[in-house]
Amino acid sequence: MFAGFPVERVTKANTELSVGSDTASELVSPAAVAADRQTVAILLWLFLGAFAAHRWYLGSPILWNIIFILTAGFFIVGWVIDGIDIITGNYPGL
């Protein structure tokens, strides 16, 4: 962005290291993100599993998701297998 009048740009290096800075809250561990994704997938599987919400969330193929809905979760067996895979972290979308 440019101002309509001349502006002096001054850069100042911050050499201080503060222990409780706000930048530490911006750093996110990949393990924490995966755990959050797994938690959301478990909740979707538990409460909206009949509508294949967990499968949509984790990126399963669209055709398989539609078949999952029409066959009542592959006759409940697929729903249980999906739950086990999500809980153990072996589901392909995690």
Protein backbone atom coordinates (compact mmCIF):
# COMPACT_ATOMS: atom_id res chain seq x y z
CA MET A 1 0.00 0.00 0.00
CA PHE A 2 1.22 3.46 -0.80
CA ALA A 3 0.34 6.70 0.92
CA GLY A 4 -0.61 9.78 -1.07
CA PHE A 5 2.25 11.71 0.55
CA PRO A 6 5.91 10.85 1.12
CA VAL A 7 6.43 8.55 4.09
CA GLU A 8 9.77 7.60 5.55
CA ARG A 9 10.03 3.88 6.03
CA VAL A 10 12.12 2.90 8.99
CA THR A 11 12.87 -0.68 9.83
CA LYS A 12 13.95 -1.55 13.31
CA ALA A 13 15.29 -4.95 14.28
CA ASN A 14 13.80 -6.35 17.46
CA THR A 15 16.66 -7.99 19.31
CA GLU A 16 14.75 -8.54 22.54
CA LEU A 17 13.43 -11.98 23.35
CA SER A 18 10.36 -11.93 25.53
CA VAL A 19 9.28 -15.12 27.21
CA GLY A 20 5.53 -14.54 27.34
CA SER A 21 5.06 -12.95 23.95
CA ASP A 22 1.93 -13.27 21.83
CA THR A 23 3.88 -14.88 18.97
CA ALA A 24 4.11 -18.11 20.94
CA SER A 25 0.33 -18.48 20.73
CA GLU A 26 0.50 -18.34 16.92
CA LEU A 27 2.80 -21.35 16.69
CA VAL A 28 0.81 -24.54 16.26
CA SER A 29 2.16 -28.04 16.48
CA PRO A 30 1.24 -30.40 13.61
CA ALA A 31 0.42 -33.01 16.24
CA ALA A 32 -2.08 -30.64 17.87
CA VAL A 33 -3.77 -29.97 14.55
CA ALA A 34 -4.05 -33.72 13.86
CA ALA A 35 -5.51 -34.30 17.32
CA ASP A 36 -8.10 -31.57 16.75
CA ARG A 37 -8.98 -33.08 13.36
CA GLN A 38 -9.35 -36.51 14.94
CA THR A 39 -11.57 -35.13 17.72
CA VAL A 40 -13.87 -33.43 15.22
CA ALA A 41 -13.99 -36.62 13.13
CA ILE A 42 -14.94 -38.70 16.19
CA LEU A 43 -17.73 -36.30 17.11
CA LEU A 44 -19.05 -36.26 13.55
CA TRP A 45 -18.87 -40.06 13.40
CA LEU A 46 -20.72 -40.40 16.69
CA PHE A 47 -23.52 -37.87 16.13
CA LEU A 48 -23.87 -37.61 12.33
CA GLY A 49 -22.43 -40.94 11.23
CA ALA A 50 -25.64 -41.97 9.48
CA PHE A 51 -25.20 -39.06 7.08
CA ALA A 52 -21.51 -39.89 6.49
CA ALA A 53 -20.48 -36.53 7.94
CA HIS A 54 -17.17 -37.93 9.16
CA ARG A 55 -16.44 -39.31 5.69
CA TRP A 56 -17.23 -35.96 4.02
CA TYR A 57 -15.04 -34.17 6.58
CA LEU A 58 -12.08 -36.51 6.07
CA GLY A 59 -12.27 -36.34 2.29
CA SER A 60 -13.53 -39.77 1.26
CA PRO A 61 -14.65 -40.17 -2.37
CA ILE A 62 -18.11 -38.74 -3.08
CA LEU A 63 -19.54 -41.92 -4.59
CA TRP A 64 -18.53 -43.99 -1.55
CA ASN A 65 -20.09 -41.40 0.75
CA ILE A 66 -23.40 -41.58 -1.14
CA ILE A 67 -23.35 -45.38 -1.06
CA PHE A 68 -22.57 -45.19 2.68
CA ILE A 69 -25.69 -43.06 3.23
CA LEU A 70 -27.97 -45.23 1.07
CA THR A 71 -26.87 -48.50 2.72
CA ALA A 72 -27.22 -47.19 6.28
CA GLY A 73 -23.50 -47.08 6.88
CA PHE A 74 -22.77 -50.25 4.91
CA PHE A 75 -25.33 -52.02 7.12
CA ILE A 76 -23.82 -50.61 10.37
CA VAL A 77 -20.63 -52.67 9.94
CA GLY A 78 -18.90 -49.95 7.91
CA TRP A 79 -19.89 -47.36 10.48
CA VAL A 80 -18.24 -49.39 13.27
CA ILE A 81 -15.12 -49.98 11.16
CA ASP A 82 -14.90 -46.27 10.36
CA GLY A 83 -15.15 -45.48 14.07
CA ILE A 84 -12.37 -47.89 14.96
CA ASP A 85 -10.17 -46.48 12.19
CA ILE A 86 -10.79 -42.89 13.31
CA ILE A 87 -10.16 -43.64 16.99
CA THR A 88 -6.92 -45.49 16.25
CA GLY A 89 -5.82 -42.84 13.74
CA ASN A 90 -5.70 -45.24 10.77
CA TYR A 91 -8.39 -43.54 8.68
CA PRO A 92 -6.93 -42.31 5.36
CA GLY A 93 -7.97 -38.67 5.84
CA LEU A 94 -6.25 -38.17 9.20
